[in-house]
Amino acid sequence: MVKSPKTGAYTFVSAIMAPELVSDFLE
């Protein structure tokens, strides 16, 4: 979940990737 800087609303961002890259995506 990512909070929009403009409106303050939360949006969902999803991606399919290799397990090694998950921590980088979440950070």
mmCIF file of all heavy atoms, coordinates in Angstrom:
data_MODEL
# 
_entry.id   MODEL 
# 
loop_
_atom_site.group_PDB 
_atom_site.id 
_atom_site.type_symbol 
_atom_site.label_atom_id 
_atom_site.label_alt_id 
_atom_site.label_comp_id 
_atom_site.label_asym_id 
_atom_site.label_entity_id 
_atom_site.label_seq_id 
_atom_site.pdbx_PDB_ins_code 
_atom_site.Cartn_x 
_atom_site.Cartn_y 
_atom_site.Cartn_z 
_atom_site.occupancy 
_atom_site.B_iso_or_equiv 
_atom_site.pdbx_formal_charge 
_atom_site.auth_seq_id 
_atom_site.auth_comp_id 
_atom_site.auth_asym_id 
_atom_site.auth_atom_id 
_atom_site.pdbx_PDB_model_num 
ATOM 1   N N   . MET A 1 1  ? 0.852  -1.182  0.000   1.00 0.00 ? 1  MET A N   1 
ATOM 2   C CA  . MET A 1 1  ? 0.000  0.000   0.000   1.00 0.00 ? 1  MET A CA  1 
ATOM 3   C C   . MET A 1 1  ? 0.888  1.232   0.000   1.00 0.00 ? 1  MET A C   1 
ATOM 4   O O   . MET A 1 1  ? 1.824  1.314   0.792   1.00 0.00 ? 1  MET A O   1 
ATOM 5   C CB  . MET A 1 1  ? -0.895 0.019   1.233   1.00 0.00 ? 1  MET A CB  1 
ATOM 6   C CG  . MET A 1 1  ? -2.043 -0.928  1.168   1.00 0.00 ? 1  MET A CG  1 
ATOM 7   S SD  . MET A 1 1  ? -3.056 -0.905  2.657   1.00 0.00 ? 1  MET A SD  1 
ATOM 8   C CE  . MET A 1 1  ? -3.622 0.760   2.700   1.00 0.00 ? 1  MET A CE  1 
ATOM 9   N N   . VAL A 1 2  ? 0.583  2.173   -0.895  1.00 0.00 ? 2  VAL A N   1 
ATOM 10  C CA  . VAL A 1 2  ? 1.362  3.396   -1.008  1.00 0.00 ? 2  VAL A CA  1 
ATOM 11  C C   . VAL A 1 2  ? 0.418  4.575   -0.826  1.00 0.00 ? 2  VAL A C   1 
ATOM 12  O O   . VAL A 1 2  ? -0.644 4.626   -1.441  1.00 0.00 ? 2  VAL A O   1 
ATOM 13  C CB  . VAL A 1 2  ? 2.051  3.476   -2.390  1.00 0.00 ? 2  VAL A CB  1 
ATOM 14  C CG1 . VAL A 1 2  ? 2.839  4.755   -2.529  1.00 0.00 ? 2  VAL A CG1 1 
ATOM 15  C CG2 . VAL A 1 2  ? 2.934  2.268   -2.607  1.00 0.00 ? 2  VAL A CG2 1 
ATOM 16  N N   . LYS A 1 3  ? 0.811  5.511   0.023   1.00 0.00 ? 3  LYS A N   1 
ATOM 17  C CA  . LYS A 1 3  ? -0.016 6.692   0.274   1.00 0.00 ? 3  LYS A CA  1 
ATOM 18  C C   . LYS A 1 3  ? 0.308  7.751   -0.769  1.00 0.00 ? 3  LYS A C   1 
ATOM 19  O O   . LYS A 1 3  ? 1.457  8.109   -0.986  1.00 0.00 ? 3  LYS A O   1 
ATOM 20  C CB  . LYS A 1 3  ? 0.259  7.232   1.673   1.00 0.00 ? 3  LYS A CB  1 
ATOM 21  C CG  . LYS A 1 3  ? -0.693 8.325   2.087   1.00 0.00 ? 3  LYS A CG  1 
ATOM 22  C CD  . LYS A 1 3  ? -0.513 8.675   3.541   1.00 0.00 ? 3  LYS A CD  1 
ATOM 23  C CE  . LYS A 1 3  ? -1.531 9.707   3.956   1.00 0.00 ? 3  LYS A CE  1 
ATOM 24  N NZ  . LYS A 1 3  ? -1.418 10.026  5.379   1.00 0.00 ? 3  LYS A NZ  1 
ATOM 25  N N   . SER A 1 4  ? -0.731 8.276   -1.413  1.00 0.00 ? 4  SER A N   1 
ATOM 26  C CA  . SER A 1 4  ? -0.572 9.304   -2.431  1.00 0.00 ? 4  SER A CA  1 
ATOM 27  C C   . SER A 1 4  ? -0.218 10.633  -1.770  1.00 0.00 ? 4  SER A C   1 
ATOM 28  O O   . SER A 1 4  ? -0.895 11.064  -0.845  1.00 0.00 ? 4  SER A O   1 
ATOM 29  C CB  . SER A 1 4  ? -1.870 9.454   -3.229  1.00 0.00 ? 4  SER A CB  1 
ATOM 30  O OG  . SER A 1 4  ? -1.785 10.564  -4.090  1.00 0.00 ? 4  SER A OG  1 
ATOM 31  N N   . PRO A 1 5  ? 0.829  11.311  -2.248  1.00 0.00 ? 5  PRO A N   1 
ATOM 32  C CA  . PRO A 1 5  ? 1.191  12.591  -1.648  1.00 0.00 ? 5  PRO A CA  1 
ATOM 33  C C   . PRO A 1 5  ? 0.170  13.700  -1.936  1.00 0.00 ? 5  PRO A C   1 
ATOM 34  O O   . PRO A 1 5  ? 0.015  14.630  -1.152  1.00 0.00 ? 5  PRO A O   1 
ATOM 35  C CB  . PRO A 1 5  ? 2.542  12.914  -2.267  1.00 0.00 ? 5  PRO A CB  1 
ATOM 36  C CG  . PRO A 1 5  ? 2.642  12.084  -3.476  1.00 0.00 ? 5  PRO A CG  1 
ATOM 37  C CD  . PRO A 1 5  ? 1.763  10.893  -3.264  1.00 0.00 ? 5  PRO A CD  1 
ATOM 38  N N   . LYS A 1 6  ? -0.550 13.589  -3.055  1.00 0.00 ? 6  LYS A N   1 
ATOM 39  C CA  . LYS A 1 6  ? -1.541 14.603  -3.425  1.00 0.00 ? 6  LYS A CA  1 
ATOM 40  C C   . LYS A 1 6  ? -2.799 14.526  -2.579  1.00 0.00 ? 6  LYS A C   1 
ATOM 41  O O   . LYS A 1 6  ? -3.208 15.499  -1.952  1.00 0.00 ? 6  LYS A O   1 
ATOM 42  C CB  . LYS A 1 6  ? -1.941 14.443  -4.893  1.00 0.00 ? 6  LYS A CB  1 
ATOM 43  C CG  . LYS A 1 6  ? -1.072 15.149  -5.866  1.00 0.00 ? 6  LYS A CG  1 
ATOM 44  C CD  . LYS A 1 6  ? -1.700 15.049  -7.245  1.00 0.00 ? 6  LYS A CD  1 
ATOM 45  C CE  . LYS A 1 6  ? -0.913 15.808  -8.277  1.00 0.00 ? 6  LYS A CE  1 
ATOM 46  N NZ  . LYS A 1 6  ? -1.501 15.670  -9.593  1.00 0.00 ? 6  LYS A NZ  1 
ATOM 47  N N   . THR A 1 7  ? -3.438 13.343  -2.583  1.00 0.00 ? 7  THR A N   1 
ATOM 48  C CA  . THR A 1 7  ? -4.751 13.209  -1.959  1.00 0.00 ? 7  THR A CA  1 
ATOM 49  C C   . THR A 1 7  ? -4.708 12.592  -0.575  1.00 0.00 ? 7  THR A C   1 
ATOM 50  O O   . THR A 1 7  ? -5.656 12.716  0.188   1.00 0.00 ? 7  THR A O   1 
ATOM 51  C CB  . THR A 1 7  ? -5.668 12.349  -2.839  1.00 0.00 ? 7  THR A CB  1 
ATOM 52  O OG1 . THR A 1 7  ? -5.110 11.033  -2.937  1.00 0.00 ? 7  THR A OG1 1 
ATOM 53  C CG2 . THR A 1 7  ? -5.836 12.940  -4.221  1.00 0.00 ? 7  THR A CG2 1 
ATOM 54  N N   . GLY A 1 8  ? -3.653 11.876  -0.262  1.00 0.00 ? 8  GLY A N   1 
ATOM 55  C CA  . GLY A 1 8  ? -3.578 11.191  1.024   1.00 0.00 ? 8  GLY A CA  1 
ATOM 56  C C   . GLY A 1 8  ? -4.254 9.836   1.006   1.00 0.00 ? 8  GLY A C   1 
ATOM 57  O O   . GLY A 1 8  ? -4.273 9.141   2.013   1.00 0.00 ? 8  GLY A O   1 
ATOM 58  N N   . ALA A 1 9  ? -4.820 9.440   -0.133  1.00 0.00 ? 9  ALA A N   1 
ATOM 59  C CA  . ALA A 1 9  ? -5.486 8.140   -0.253  1.00 0.00 ? 9  ALA A CA  1 
ATOM 60  C C   . ALA A 1 9  ? -4.442 7.047   -0.488  1.00 0.00 ? 9  ALA A C   1 
ATOM 61  O O   . ALA A 1 9  ? -3.367 7.295   -1.021  1.00 0.00 ? 9  ALA A O   1 
ATOM 62  C CB  . ALA A 1 9  ? -6.479 8.171   -1.412  1.00 0.00 ? 9  ALA A CB  1 
ATOM 63  N N   . TYR A 1 10 ? -4.772 5.829   -0.076  1.00 0.00 ? 10 TYR A N   1 
ATOM 64  C CA  . TYR A 1 10 ? -3.874 4.699   -0.279  1.00 0.00 ? 10 TYR A CA  1 
ATOM 65  C C   . TYR A 1 10 ? -4.223 3.984   -1.571  1.00 0.00 ? 10 TYR A C   1 
ATOM 66  O O   . TYR A 1 10 ? -5.392 3.804   -1.907  1.00 0.00 ? 10 TYR A O   1 
ATOM 67  C CB  . TYR A 1 10 ? -3.964 3.719   0.888   1.00 0.00 ? 10 TYR A CB  1 
ATOM 68  C CG  . TYR A 1 10 ? -3.273 4.220   2.124   1.00 0.00 ? 10 TYR A CG  1 
ATOM 69  C CD1 . TYR A 1 10 ? -3.974 4.884   3.114   1.00 0.00 ? 10 TYR A CD1 1 
ATOM 70  C CD2 . TYR A 1 10 ? -1.915 4.029   2.288   1.00 0.00 ? 10 TYR A CD2 1 
ATOM 71  C CE1 . TYR A 1 10 ? -3.331 5.346   4.249   1.00 0.00 ? 10 TYR A CE1 1 
ATOM 72  C CE2 . TYR A 1 10 ? -1.256 4.489   3.419   1.00 0.00 ? 10 TYR A CE2 1 
ATOM 73  C CZ  . TYR A 1 10 ? -1.967 5.146   4.394   1.00 0.00 ? 10 TYR A CZ  1 
ATOM 74  O OH  . TYR A 1 10 ? -1.323 5.604   5.505   1.00 0.00 ? 10 TYR A OH  1 
ATOM 75  N N   . THR A 1 11 ? -3.197 3.555   -2.301  1.00 0.00 ? 11 THR A N   1 
ATOM 76  C CA  . THR A 1 11 ? -3.369 2.754   -3.503  1.00 0.00 ? 11 THR A CA  1 
ATOM 77  C C   . THR A 1 11 ? -2.514 1.498   -3.353  1.00 0.00 ? 11 THR A C   1 
ATOM 78  O O   . THR A 1 11 ? -1.545 1.490   -2.601  1.00 0.00 ? 11 THR A O   1 
ATOM 79  C CB  . THR A 1 11 ? -2.948 3.515   -4.772  1.00 0.00 ? 11 THR A CB  1 
ATOM 80  O OG1 . THR A 1 11 ? -1.580 3.903   -4.635  1.00 0.00 ? 11 THR A OG1 1 
ATOM 81  C CG2 . THR A 1 11 ? -3.797 4.740   -4.998  1.00 0.00 ? 11 THR A CG2 1 
ATOM 82  N N   . PHE A 1 12 ? -2.887 0.451   -4.078  1.00 0.00 ? 12 PHE A N   1 
ATOM 83  C CA  . PHE A 1 12 ? -2.143 -0.797  -4.043  1.00 0.00 ? 12 PHE A CA  1 
ATOM 84  C C   . PHE A 1 12 ? -1.249 -0.889  -5.265  1.00 0.00 ? 12 PHE A C   1 
ATOM 85  O O   . PHE A 1 12 ? -1.679 -0.632  -6.381  1.00 0.00 ? 12 PHE A O   1 
ATOM 86  C CB  . PHE A 1 12 ? -3.106 -1.991  -4.024  1.00 0.00 ? 12 PHE A CB  1 
ATOM 87  C CG  . PHE A 1 12 ? -3.868 -2.102  -2.743  1.00 0.00 ? 12 PHE A CG  1 
ATOM 88  C CD1 . PHE A 1 12 ? -5.134 -1.562  -2.621  1.00 0.00 ? 12 PHE A CD1 1 
ATOM 89  C CD2 . PHE A 1 12 ? -3.315 -2.744  -1.652  1.00 0.00 ? 12 PHE A CD2 1 
ATOM 90  C CE1 . PHE A 1 12 ? -5.839 -1.654  -1.440  1.00 0.00 ? 12 PHE A CE1 1 
ATOM 91  C CE2 . PHE A 1 12 ? -4.008 -2.846  -0.463  1.00 0.00 ? 12 PHE A CE2 1 
ATOM 92  C CZ  . PHE A 1 12 ? -5.267 -2.303  -0.354  1.00 0.00 ? 12 PHE A CZ  1 
ATOM 93  N N   . VAL A 1 13 ? -0.004 -1.288  -5.041  1.00 0.00 ? 13 VAL A N   1 
ATOM 94  C CA  . VAL A 1 13 ? 0.956  -1.507  -6.114  1.00 0.00 ? 13 VAL A CA  1 
ATOM 95  C C   . VAL A 1 13 ? 1.388  -2.956  -6.016  1.00 0.00 ? 13 VAL A C   1 
ATOM 96  O O   . VAL A 1 13 ? 1.808  -3.411  -4.948  1.00 0.00 ? 13 VAL A O   1 
ATOM 97  C CB  . VAL A 1 13 ? 2.179  -0.577  -5.971  1.00 0.00 ? 13 VAL A CB  1 
ATOM 98  C CG1 . VAL A 1 13 ? 3.189  -0.845  -7.059  1.00 0.00 ? 13 VAL A CG1 1 
ATOM 99  C CG2 . VAL A 1 13 ? 1.746  0.875   -5.981  1.00 0.00 ? 13 VAL A CG2 1 
ATOM 100 N N   . SER A 1 14 ? 1.254  -3.705  -7.104  1.00 0.00 ? 14 SER A N   1 
ATOM 101 C CA  . SER A 1 14 ? 1.647  -5.110  -7.073  1.00 0.00 ? 14 SER A CA  1 
ATOM 102 C C   . SER A 1 14 ? 2.604  -5.407  -8.217  1.00 0.00 ? 14 SER A C   1 
ATOM 103 O O   . SER A 1 14 ? 2.587  -4.743  -9.253  1.00 0.00 ? 14 SER A O   1 
ATOM 104 C CB  . SER A 1 14 ? 0.422  -6.016  -7.168  1.00 0.00 ? 14 SER A CB  1 
ATOM 105 O OG  . SER A 1 14 ? -0.197 -5.852  -8.409  1.00 0.00 ? 14 SER A OG  1 
ATOM 106 N N   . ALA A 1 15 ? 3.434  -6.423  -8.010  1.00 0.00 ? 15 ALA A N   1 
ATOM 107 C CA  . ALA A 1 15 ? 4.390  -6.847  -9.023  1.00 0.00 ? 15 ALA A CA  1 
ATOM 108 C C   . ALA A 1 15 ? 4.706  -8.319  -8.810  1.00 0.00 ? 15 ALA A C   1 
ATOM 109 O O   . ALA A 1 15 ? 4.678  -8.802  -7.674  1.00 0.00 ? 15 ALA A O   1 
ATOM 110 C CB  . ALA A 1 15 ? 5.654  -6.017  -8.941  1.00 0.00 ? 15 ALA A CB  1 
ATOM 111 N N   . ILE A 1 16 ? 5.011  -9.009  -9.897  1.00 0.00 ? 16 ILE A N   1 
ATOM 112 C CA  . ILE A 1 16 ? 5.431  -10.407 -9.843  1.00 0.00 ? 16 ILE A CA  1 
ATOM 113 C C   . ILE A 1 16 ? 6.914  -10.434 -10.183 1.00 0.00 ? 16 ILE A C   1 
ATOM 114 O O   . ILE A 1 16 ? 7.317  -9.910  -11.215 1.00 0.00 ? 16 ILE A O   1 
ATOM 115 C CB  . ILE A 1 16 ? 4.616  -11.279 -10.818 1.00 0.00 ? 16 ILE A CB  1 
ATOM 116 C CG1 . ILE A 1 16 ? 3.155  -11.262 -10.396 1.00 0.00 ? 16 ILE A CG1 1 
ATOM 117 C CG2 . ILE A 1 16 ? 5.163  -12.697 -10.858 1.00 0.00 ? 16 ILE A CG2 1 
ATOM 118 C CD1 . ILE A 1 16 ? 2.241  -12.019 -11.319 1.00 0.00 ? 16 ILE A CD1 1 
ATOM 119 N N   . MET A 1 17 ? 7.709  -11.036 -9.294  1.00 0.00 ? 17 MET A N   1 
ATOM 120 C CA  . MET A 1 17 ? 9.160  -10.993 -9.461  1.00 0.00 ? 17 MET A CA  1 
ATOM 121 C C   . MET A 1 17 ? 9.812  -12.205 -8.820  1.00 0.00 ? 17 MET A C   1 
ATOM 122 O O   . MET A 1 17 ? 9.132  -13.020 -8.189  1.00 0.00 ? 17 MET A O   1 
ATOM 123 C CB  . MET A 1 17 ? 9.705  -9.723  -8.815  1.00 0.00 ? 17 MET A CB  1 
ATOM 124 C CG  . MET A 1 17 ? 9.510  -9.699  -7.321  1.00 0.00 ? 17 MET A CG  1 
ATOM 125 S SD  . MET A 1 17 ? 9.675  -8.117  -6.587  1.00 0.00 ? 17 MET A SD  1 
ATOM 126 C CE  . MET A 1 17 ? 8.142  -7.398  -7.052  1.00 0.00 ? 17 MET A CE  1 
ATOM 127 N N   . ALA A 1 18 ? 11.123 -12.298 -8.952  1.00 0.00 ? 18 ALA A N   1 
ATOM 128 C CA  . ALA A 1 18 ? 11.890 -13.356 -8.303  1.00 0.00 ? 18 ALA A CA  1 
ATOM 129 C C   . ALA A 1 18 ? 11.907 -13.097 -6.798  1.00 0.00 ? 18 ALA A C   1 
ATOM 130 O O   . ALA A 1 18 ? 11.876 -11.941 -6.371  1.00 0.00 ? 18 ALA A O   1 
ATOM 131 C CB  . ALA A 1 18 ? 13.304 -13.386 -8.848  1.00 0.00 ? 18 ALA A CB  1 
ATOM 132 N N   . PRO A 1 19 ? 11.938 -14.149 -5.984  1.00 0.00 ? 19 PRO A N   1 
ATOM 133 C CA  . PRO A 1 19 ? 11.900 -13.974 -4.528  1.00 0.00 ? 19 PRO A CA  1 
ATOM 134 C C   . PRO A 1 19 ? 13.040 -13.113 -3.978  1.00 0.00 ? 19 PRO A C   1 
ATOM 135 O O   . PRO A 1 19 ? 12.884 -12.458 -2.956  1.00 0.00 ? 19 PRO A O   1 
ATOM 136 C CB  . PRO A 1 19 ? 12.002 -15.399 -3.983  1.00 0.00 ? 19 PRO A CB  1 
ATOM 137 C CG  . PRO A 1 19 ? 11.545 -16.271 -5.091  1.00 0.00 ? 19 PRO A CG  1 
ATOM 138 C CD  . PRO A 1 19 ? 11.893 -15.566 -6.356  1.00 0.00 ? 19 PRO A CD  1 
ATOM 139 N N   . GLU A 1 20 ? 14.185 -13.075 -4.652  1.00 0.00 ? 20 GLU A N   1 
ATOM 140 C CA  . GLU A 1 20 ? 15.324 -12.304 -4.168  1.00 0.00 ? 20 GLU A CA  1 
ATOM 141 C C   . GLU A 1 20 ? 15.077 -10.797 -4.262  1.00 0.00 ? 20 GLU A C   1 
ATOM 142 O O   . GLU A 1 20 ? 15.695 -10.013 -3.550  1.00 0.00 ? 20 GLU A O   1 
ATOM 143 C CB  . GLU A 1 20 ? 16.586 -12.632 -4.973  1.00 0.00 ? 20 GLU A CB  1 
ATOM 144 C CG  . GLU A 1 20 ? 17.002 -14.090 -4.926  1.00 0.00 ? 20 GLU A CG  1 
ATOM 145 C CD  . GLU A 1 20 ? 16.261 -14.947 -5.942  1.00 0.00 ? 20 GLU A CD  1 
ATOM 146 O OE1 . GLU A 1 20 ? 15.949 -14.449 -7.033  1.00 0.00 ? 20 GLU A OE1 1 
ATOM 147 O OE2 . GLU A 1 20 ? 15.978 -16.109 -5.618  1.00 0.00 ? 20 GLU A OE2 1 
ATOM 148 N N   . LEU A 1 21 ? 14.171 -10.369 -5.138  1.00 0.00 ? 21 LEU A N   1 
ATOM 149 C CA  . LEU A 1 21 ? 13.949 -8.948  -5.380  1.00 0.00 ? 21 LEU A CA  1 
ATOM 150 C C   . LEU A 1 21 ? 12.824 -8.351  -4.529  1.00 0.00 ? 21 LEU A C   1 
ATOM 151 O O   . LEU A 1 21 ? 12.579 -7.151  -4.591  1.00 0.00 ? 21 LEU A O   1 
ATOM 152 C CB  . LEU A 1 21 ? 13.625 -8.733  -6.858  1.00 0.00 ? 21 LEU A CB  1 
ATOM 153 C CG  . LEU A 1 21 ? 14.672 -9.234  -7.851  1.00 0.00 ? 21 LEU A CG  1 
ATOM 154 C CD1 . LEU A 1 21 ? 14.172 -9.070  -9.274  1.00 0.00 ? 21 LEU A CD1 1 
ATOM 155 C CD2 . LEU A 1 21 ? 15.981 -8.524  -7.652  1.00 0.00 ? 21 LEU A CD2 1 
ATOM 156 N N   . VAL A 1 22 ? 12.143 -9.174  -3.734  1.00 0.00 ? 22 VAL A N   1 
ATOM 157 C CA  . VAL A 1 22 ? 10.975 -8.709  -2.982  1.00 0.00 ? 22 VAL A CA  1 
ATOM 158 C C   . VAL A 1 22 ? 11.350 -7.642  -1.959  1.00 0.00 ? 22 VAL A C   1 
ATOM 159 O O   . VAL A 1 22 ? 10.676 -6.616  -1.848  1.00 0.00 ? 22 VAL A O   1 
ATOM 160 C CB  . VAL A 1 22 ? 10.262 -9.895  -2.295  1.00 0.00 ? 22 VAL A CB  1 
ATOM 161 C CG1 . VAL A 1 22 ? 9.183  -9.404  -1.353  1.00 0.00 ? 22 VAL A CG1 1 
ATOM 162 C CG2 . VAL A 1 22 ? 9.660  -10.812 -3.345  1.00 0.00 ? 22 VAL A CG2 1 
ATOM 163 N N   . SER A 1 23 ? 12.408 -7.857  -1.216  1.00 0.00 ? 23 SER A N   1 
ATOM 164 C CA  . SER A 1 23 ? 12.771 -6.881  -0.176  1.00 0.00 ? 23 SER A CA  1 
ATOM 165 C C   . SER A 1 23 ? 13.116 -5.529  -0.787  1.00 0.00 ? 23 SER A C   1 
ATOM 166 O O   . SER A 1 23 ? 12.774 -4.490  -0.216  1.00 0.00 ? 23 SER A O   1 
ATOM 167 C CB  . SER A 1 23 ? 13.930 -7.403  0.663   1.00 0.00 ? 23 SER A CB  1 
ATOM 168 O OG  . SER A 1 23 ? 15.066 -7.617  -0.148  1.00 0.00 ? 23 SER A OG  1 
ATOM 169 N N   . ASP A 1 24 ? 13.762 -5.503  -1.950  1.00 0.00 ? 24 ASP A N   1 
ATOM 170 C CA  . ASP A 1 24 ? 14.063 -4.243  -2.625  1.00 0.00 ? 24 ASP A CA  1 
ATOM 171 C C   . ASP A 1 24 ? 12.780 -3.538  -3.062  1.00 0.00 ? 24 ASP A C   1 
ATOM 172 O O   . ASP A 1 24 ? 12.658 -2.319  -2.942  1.00 0.00 ? 24 ASP A O   1 
ATOM 173 C CB  . ASP A 1 24 ? 14.957 -4.459  -3.842  1.00 0.00 ? 24 ASP A CB  1 
ATOM 174 C CG  . ASP A 1 24 ? 16.335 -4.938  -3.460  1.00 0.00 ? 24 ASP A CG  1 
ATOM 175 O OD1 . ASP A 1 24 ? 16.776 -4.639  -2.319  1.00 0.00 ? 24 ASP A OD1 1 
ATOM 176 O OD2 . ASP A 1 24 ? 16.984 -5.595  -4.290  1.00 0.00 ? 24 ASP A OD2 1 
ATOM 177 N N   . PHE A 1 25 ? 11.800 -4.306  -3.547  1.00 0.00 ? 25 PHE A N   1 
ATOM 178 C CA  . PHE A 1 25 ? 10.526 -3.742  -3.974  1.00 0.00 ? 25 PHE A CA  1 
ATOM 179 C C   . PHE A 1 25 ? 9.769  -3.123  -2.804  1.00 0.00 ? 25 PHE A C   1 
ATOM 180 O O   . PHE A 1 25 ? 9.222  -2.030  -2.913  1.00 0.00 ? 25 PHE A O   1 
ATOM 181 C CB  . PHE A 1 25 ? 9.679  -4.834  -4.639  1.00 0.00 ? 25 PHE A CB  1 
ATOM 182 C CG  . PHE A 1 25 ? 8.270  -4.404  -4.969  1.00 0.00 ? 25 PHE A CG  1 
ATOM 183 C CD1 . PHE A 1 25 ? 8.018  -3.544  -6.027  1.00 0.00 ? 25 PHE A CD1 1 
ATOM 184 C CD2 . PHE A 1 25 ? 7.206  -4.861  -4.226  1.00 0.00 ? 25 PHE A CD2 1 
ATOM 185 C CE1 . PHE A 1 25 ? 6.728  -3.156  -6.331  1.00 0.00 ? 25 PHE A CE1 1 
ATOM 186 C CE2 . PHE A 1 25 ? 5.898  -4.467  -4.517  1.00 0.00 ? 25 PHE A CE2 1 
ATOM 187 C CZ  . PHE A 1 25 ? 5.679  -3.624  -5.585  1.00 0.00 ? 25 PHE A CZ  1 
ATOM 188 N N   . LEU A 1 26 ? 9.771  -3.803  -1.669  1.00 0.00 ? 26 LEU A N   1 
ATOM 189 C CA  . LEU A 1 26 ? 9.045  -3.317  -0.508  1.00 0.00 ? 26 LEU A CA  1 
ATOM 190 C C   . LEU A 1 26 ? 9.741  -2.114  0.157   1.00 0.00 ? 26 LEU A C   1 
ATOM 191 O O   . LEU A 1 26 ? 9.091  -1.283  0.750   1.00 0.00 ? 26 LEU A O   1 
ATOM 192 C CB  . LEU A 1 26 ? 8.827  -4.441  0.504   1.00 0.00 ? 26 LEU A CB  1 
ATOM 193 C CG  . LEU A 1 26 ? 7.915  -5.562  0.022   1.00 0.00 ? 26 LEU A CG  1 
ATOM 194 C CD1 . LEU A 1 26 ? 7.870  -6.672  1.054   1.00 0.00 ? 26 LEU A CD1 1 
ATOM 195 C CD2 . LEU A 1 26 ? 6.522  -5.061  -0.276  1.00 0.00 ? 26 LEU A CD2 1 
ATOM 196 N N   . GLU A 1 27 ? 11.052 -2.039  0.051   1.00 0.00 ? 27 GLU A N   1 
ATOM 197 C CA  . GLU A 1 27 ? 11.807 -0.926  0.615   1.00 0.00 ? 27 GLU A CA  1 
ATOM 198 C C   . GLU A 1 27 ? 11.653 0.345   -0.206  1.00 0.00 ? 27 GLU A C   1 
ATOM 199 O O   . GLU A 1 27 ? 11.654 1.442   0.332   1.00 0.00 ? 27 GLU A O   1 
ATOM 200 C CB  . GLU A 1 27 ? 13.297 -1.271  0.687   1.00 0.00 ? 27 GLU A CB  1 
ATOM 201 C CG  . GLU A 1 27 ? 13.612 -2.435  1.584   1.00 0.00 ? 27 GLU A CG  1 
ATOM 202 C CD  . GLU A 1 27 ? 13.645 -2.051  3.042   1.00 0.00 ? 27 GLU A CD  1 
ATOM 203 O OE1 . GLU A 1 27 ? 14.050 -0.934  3.333   1.00 0.00 ? 27 GLU A OE1 1 
ATOM 204 O OE2 . GLU A 1 27 ? 13.269 -2.900  3.871   1.00 0.00 ? 27 GLU A OE2 1 
# 
